[in-house]
Amino acid sequence: MISVVIPTYKSPDALDLCLRSIISGQKNTNEILVVVDGFFDINKTVLEKYSSSIKILNLLHNVGTCKASNIGVYHTTNEKVLLANDDNVFPNNWDTLLENDYEPNSIISVNQIEPFPSIFRQIHIKNLGRDPLSFDLENFWNYSESISSQIKERTGSTFPIFFSKFDCLRIGGFDENYPSQSGAVSDWDFFLKCSLSNIKLIRTYSCHFYHFVSLSRKLPEQVEKQAQEEQMCHEYAKMKWGRYIQHNPINNQKYI
């Protein structure tokens, strides 16, 4: 069995579709933990809708992506853990496909379908919808199955990730000290720790998750603030590691 961890903030429409795809697409009865990172009332209707199939961790206030993810992983009861975003849509048979891909001592990145061009060349670009409310789940399931393959590459380090709980805990999970609620650069930090600990970073194409990328239009001042926070996170990483974390655009490896 798999424990699925879904940190959520204030995107109830995306969360609704995410949970519907998880539950209707699974073959086994997996553990589904929704970590509500503040704004419980906004998500309350959706959480009640799926209450018989999920576990809810209400953090009461916004603690940020890193801490919410760590808390979720700590509370899982299975060794195999899948960490995904609330704006991911799960393919049909996702659990059996990932069980077949599982490898100890590895972090498996599940490849994604996105509607916009990505800096990650492995991402499959296809606009299947930009709105959770009108998204055609069956169409996505059929398309995801049509591009499925048995290919695995050493080009991991993007979300969603499938891993051993033990491996995650032994490297300390996500660094909660990064100065951004969104967890900017902390994912690079996490994958860097994996590499330094000889945990393999694998990408699987056996199934594809859909990712909406951005569901809200940001005002110019919000974009500027986000850029400033990201730069602060890079500076924190430099203070921590002695130099900036680098990204190899060919194989997605993180290094210093």
Protein backbone atom coordinates (compact mmCIF):
# COMPACT_ATOMS: atom_id res chain seq x y z
CA MET A 1 0.00 0.00 0.00
CA ILE A 2 1.00 3.61 -0.58
CA SER A 3 0.60 6.66 1.64
CA VAL A 4 -0.27 9.73 -0.43
CA VAL A 5 0.56 13.13 1.09
CA ILE A 6 -1.22 16.18 -0.37
CA PRO A 7 -0.36 19.54 1.23
CA THR A 8 -3.07 22.05 0.38
CA TYR A 9 -3.42 25.78 0.87
CA LYS A 10 -6.43 27.56 -0.63
CA SER A 11 -7.26 25.93 -3.98
CA PRO A 12 -10.42 23.93 -3.19
CA ASP A 13 -11.41 23.36 -6.84
CA ALA A 14 -7.99 21.87 -7.62
CA LEU A 15 -8.05 19.82 -4.42
CA ASP A 16 -11.48 18.45 -5.33
CA LEU A 17 -10.28 17.20 -8.71
CA CYS A 18 -7.04 15.91 -7.21
CA LEU A 19 -8.85 13.81 -4.60
CA ARG A 20 -11.43 12.58 -7.10
CA SER A 21 -8.66 11.34 -9.39
CA ILE A 22 -6.75 9.68 -6.54
CA ILE A 23 -9.74 7.81 -5.17
CA SER A 24 -11.42 6.85 -8.43
CA GLY A 25 -8.13 5.92 -10.10
CA GLN A 26 -6.67 3.69 -7.38
CA LYS A 27 -6.93 -0.10 -7.48
CA ASN A 28 -6.12 -0.60 -3.81
CA THR A 29 -7.31 1.28 -0.75
CA ASN A 30 -4.35 3.52 -0.07
CA GLU A 31 -3.77 5.97 2.76
CA ILE A 32 -4.54 9.53 1.64
CA LEU A 33 -3.39 12.33 3.96
CA VAL A 34 -4.47 15.87 3.18
CA VAL A 35 -2.33 18.36 5.08
CA VAL A 36 -4.36 21.57 5.37
CA ASP A 37 -1.77 24.34 5.58
CA GLY A 38 -4.11 26.99 6.94
CA PHE A 39 -7.46 28.19 5.51
CA PHE A 40 -9.37 25.10 6.65
CA ASP A 41 -12.76 26.77 6.15
CA ILE A 42 -12.01 27.42 2.46
CA ASN A 43 -11.38 23.69 1.94
CA LYS A 44 -13.99 22.39 4.39
CA THR A 45 -16.66 21.46 1.83
CA VAL A 46 -14.21 19.47 -0.27
CA LEU A 47 -12.70 17.73 2.75
CA GLU A 48 -16.15 16.70 3.99
CA LYS A 49 -17.03 15.40 0.53
CA TYR A 50 -14.18 12.84 0.66
CA SER A 51 -14.03 12.38 4.45
CA SER A 52 -14.70 8.62 4.27
CA SER A 53 -11.63 8.06 2.05
CA ILE A 54 -9.05 10.48 3.43
CA LYS A 55 -7.28 11.49 6.62
CA ILE A 56 -7.07 15.19 7.42
CA LEU A 57 -4.18 16.91 9.19
CA ASN A 58 -5.36 20.40 10.06
CA LEU A 59 -2.35 22.60 10.82
CA LEU A 60 -4.63 25.44 12.00
CA HIS A 61 -2.41 28.12 10.46
CA ASN A 62 -0.13 28.49 7.44
CA VAL A 63 3.31 27.00 8.15
CA GLY A 64 4.62 26.76 4.60
CA THR A 65 5.13 23.99 2.06
CA CYS A 66 8.26 22.47 3.60
CA LYS A 67 6.88 22.01 7.11
CA ALA A 68 3.48 20.87 5.82
CA SER A 69 5.18 18.23 3.64
CA ASN A 70 7.40 17.03 6.49
CA ILE A 71 4.47 16.75 8.89
CA GLY A 72 2.54 14.77 6.31
CA VAL A 73 5.40 12.33 5.73
CA TYR A 74 5.93 11.91 9.49
CA HIS A 75 2.28 10.91 9.93
CA THR A 76 2.18 8.26 7.18
CA THR A 77 1.72 4.63 8.20
CA ASN A 78 3.15 2.97 5.06
CA GLU A 79 6.78 2.73 4.02
CA LYS A 80 6.06 3.78 0.44
CA VAL A 81 5.11 7.45 0.23
CA LEU A 82 3.90 9.59 -2.66
CA LEU A 83 4.15 13.37 -2.21
CA ALA A 84 2.14 15.38 -4.73
CA ASN A 85 0.65 18.85 -5.13
CA ASP A 86 -3.03 19.69 -4.80
CA ASP A 87 -3.03 20.89 -8.43
CA ASN A 88 -1.94 17.46 -9.68
CA VAL A 89 -4.41 15.11 -11.36
CA PHE A 90 -3.68 11.40 -10.93
CA PRO A 91 -3.83 8.93 -13.84
CA ASN A 92 -5.90 5.77 -13.80
CA ASN A 93 -4.22 2.81 -12.06
CA TRP A 94 -1.63 5.18 -10.59
CA ASP A 95 -0.98 3.01 -7.53
CA THR A 96 -0.32 -0.28 -9.32
CA LEU A 97 1.88 1.46 -11.88
CA LEU A 98 3.97 3.12 -9.17
CA GLU A 99 4.19 -0.06 -7.11
CA ASN A 100 5.78 -1.71 -10.15
CA ASP A 101 8.28 1.18 -10.43
CA TYR A 102 9.30 1.21 -6.78
CA GLU A 103 12.99 0.85 -5.98
CA PRO A 104 14.54 1.07 -2.51
CA ASN A 105 17.18 3.78 -2.06
CA SER A 106 15.63 5.92 -4.77
CA ILE A 107 13.44 8.97 -5.23
CA ILE A 108 11.17 8.38 -8.21
CA SER A 109 9.88 11.46 -10.02
CA VAL A 110 6.62 10.79 -11.85
CA ASN A 111 6.68 12.57 -15.20
CA GLN A 112 4.04 15.23 -15.72
CA ILE A 113 1.84 16.62 -18.48
CA GLU A 114 1.67 20.41 -18.39
CA PRO A 115 -0.19 22.93 -20.56
CA PHE A 116 2.73 25.37 -20.84
CA PRO A 117 6.37 25.02 -21.96
CA SER A 118 8.64 24.00 -19.09
CA ILE A 119 12.30 24.51 -18.16
CA PHE A 120 12.35 20.74 -17.63
CA ARG A 121 12.77 19.15 -21.04
CA GLN A 122 11.34 15.81 -19.85
CA ILE A 123 7.90 17.29 -19.08
CA HIS A 124 5.27 16.35 -21.65
CA ILE A 125 3.61 19.50 -22.98
CA LYS A 126 -0.05 19.11 -23.86
CA ASN A 127 -2.90 21.44 -23.00
CA LEU A 128 -5.61 19.16 -21.66
CA GLY A 129 -7.20 21.92 -19.61
CA ARG A 130 -6.35 24.94 -17.48
CA ASP A 131 -9.40 24.90 -15.24
CA PRO A 132 -10.11 22.14 -12.67
CA LEU A 133 -13.85 22.79 -12.88
CA SER A 134 -14.10 21.91 -16.59
CA PHE A 135 -11.28 19.34 -16.71
CA ASP A 136 -12.14 16.12 -18.54
CA LEU A 137 -10.73 13.38 -16.31
CA GLU A 138 -11.57 10.51 -18.66
CA ASN A 139 -9.88 12.26 -21.57
CA PHE A 140 -6.76 12.80 -19.48
CA TRP A 141 -6.75 9.16 -18.36
CA ASN A 142 -6.94 7.97 -21.96
CA TYR A 143 -4.19 10.34 -23.06
CA SER A 144 -1.92 9.44 -20.14
CA GLU A 145 -2.29 5.76 -20.97
CA SER A 146 -1.51 6.41 -24.65
CA ILE A 147 1.90 7.94 -23.87
CA SER A 148 2.86 5.49 -21.13
CA SER A 149 6.15 3.62 -21.56
CA GLN A 150 8.51 1.46 -19.52
CA ILE A 151 11.33 3.97 -19.81
CA LYS A 152 13.19 5.00 -16.68
CA GLU A 153 15.92 7.64 -16.63
CA ARG A 154 18.32 9.14 -14.11
CA THR A 155 16.69 12.54 -14.63
CA GLY A 156 14.59 12.82 -11.47
CA SER A 157 14.26 15.84 -9.17
CA THR A 158 10.80 17.15 -10.06
CA PHE A 159 7.50 16.57 -8.30
CA PRO A 160 5.47 14.43 -7.69
CA ILE A 161 7.93 12.11 -5.92
CA PHE A 162 7.56 8.50 -4.79
CA PHE A 163 9.98 7.27 -2.15
CA SER A 164 10.74 5.28 0.96
CA LYS A 165 9.72 7.02 4.17
CA PHE A 166 12.96 5.81 5.74
CA ASP A 167 15.05 7.41 2.98
CA CYS A 168 13.23 10.72 3.40
CA LEU A 169 13.65 10.75 7.17
CA ARG A 170 17.32 9.80 7.11
CA ILE A 171 18.20 12.88 5.05
CA GLY A 172 16.06 15.14 7.23
CA GLY A 173 13.16 15.77 4.85
CA PHE A 174 12.73 19.33 3.59
CA ASP A 175 14.67 22.18 5.19
CA GLU A 176 12.03 24.33 6.90
CA ASN A 177 14.41 27.28 7.31
CA TYR A 178 14.19 28.51 3.73
CA PRO A 179 12.73 32.06 3.87
CA SER A 180 9.69 31.43 1.70
CA GLN A 181 6.29 29.90 2.43
CA SER A 182 6.26 28.38 -1.05
CA GLY A 183 9.42 26.38 -0.41
CA ALA A 184 11.42 27.98 -3.23
CA VAL A 185 14.84 26.35 -3.67
CA SER A 186 14.10 23.90 -0.83
CA ASP A 187 13.24 21.27 -3.43
CA TRP A 188 16.69 21.74 -5.00
CA ASP A 189 18.13 21.41 -1.50
CA PHE A 190 16.19 18.18 -0.96
CA PHE A 191 17.34 16.60 -4.21
CA LEU A 192 20.91 17.71 -3.55
CA LYS A 193 20.81 15.91 -0.19
CA CYS A 194 19.51 12.81 -1.97
CA SER A 195 22.45 12.86 -4.40
CA LEU A 196 24.98 13.40 -1.61
CA SER A 197 23.42 10.46 0.26
CA ASN A 198 23.68 8.21 -2.84
CA ILE A 199 19.91 8.02 -3.26
CA LYS A 200 19.13 7.53 -6.95
CA LEU A 201 17.03 10.19 -8.68
CA ILE A 202 14.87 8.32 -11.18
CA ARG A 203 12.17 9.49 -13.57
CA THR A 204 9.43 7.11 -14.65
CA TYR A 205 7.27 7.41 -17.76
CA SER A 206 4.99 4.50 -16.88
CA CYS A 207 2.33 7.01 -15.93
CA HIS A 208 1.96 10.78 -16.15
CA PHE A 209 0.32 13.15 -13.69
CA TYR A 210 -1.33 16.31 -14.96
CA HIS A 211 -0.15 19.61 -13.48
CA PHE A 212 -2.00 22.87 -13.94
CA VAL A 213 1.19 24.88 -13.11
CA SER A 214 -0.55 28.12 -12.14
CA LEU A 215 -4.21 28.54 -11.27
CA SER A 216 -4.11 32.18 -10.24
CA ARG A 217 -2.97 35.25 -12.11
CA LYS A 218 -0.42 37.14 -10.03
CA LEU A 219 -0.30 40.91 -9.89
CA PRO A 220 3.01 42.55 -10.86
CA GLU A 221 3.82 43.30 -7.23
CA GLN A 222 3.19 39.65 -6.32
CA VAL A 223 5.53 38.48 -9.09
CA GLU A 224 8.19 40.90 -7.85
CA LYS A 225 7.77 39.72 -4.25
CA GLN A 226 8.05 36.09 -5.36
CA ALA A 227 11.27 36.85 -7.25
CA GLN A 228 12.70 38.60 -4.19
CA GLU A 229 11.83 35.65 -1.94
CA GLU A 230 13.40 33.21 -4.37
CA GLN A 231 16.62 35.22 -4.41
CA MET A 232 16.61 35.23 -0.60
CA CYS A 233 16.27 31.44 -0.71
CA HIS A 234 19.25 31.15 -3.05
CA GLU A 235 21.24 33.29 -0.62
CA TYR A 236 20.20 31.05 2.27
CA ALA A 237 21.33 28.00 0.26
CA LYS A 238 24.70 29.67 -0.33
CA MET A 239 25.07 30.37 3.39
CA LYS A 240 24.17 26.74 4.16
CA TRP A 241 26.27 24.98 1.51
CA GLY A 242 29.03 27.52 0.92
CA ARG A 243 27.93 28.19 -2.66
CA TYR A 244 24.75 28.43 -4.71
CA ILE A 245 22.94 25.21 -5.63
CA GLN A 246 23.27 24.61 -9.37
CA HIS A 247 20.89 22.85 -11.75
CA ASN A 248 21.98 20.75 -14.72
CA PRO A 249 19.27 21.32 -17.38
CA ILE A 250 20.11 18.10 -19.21
CA ASN A 251 19.79 15.53 -16.41
CA ASN A 252 18.21 17.75 -13.72
CA GLN A 253 20.97 16.90 -11.23
CA LYS A 254 21.57 19.40 -8.42
CA TYR A 255 25.12 20.19 -7.38
CA ILE A 256 27.28 22.73 -5.56
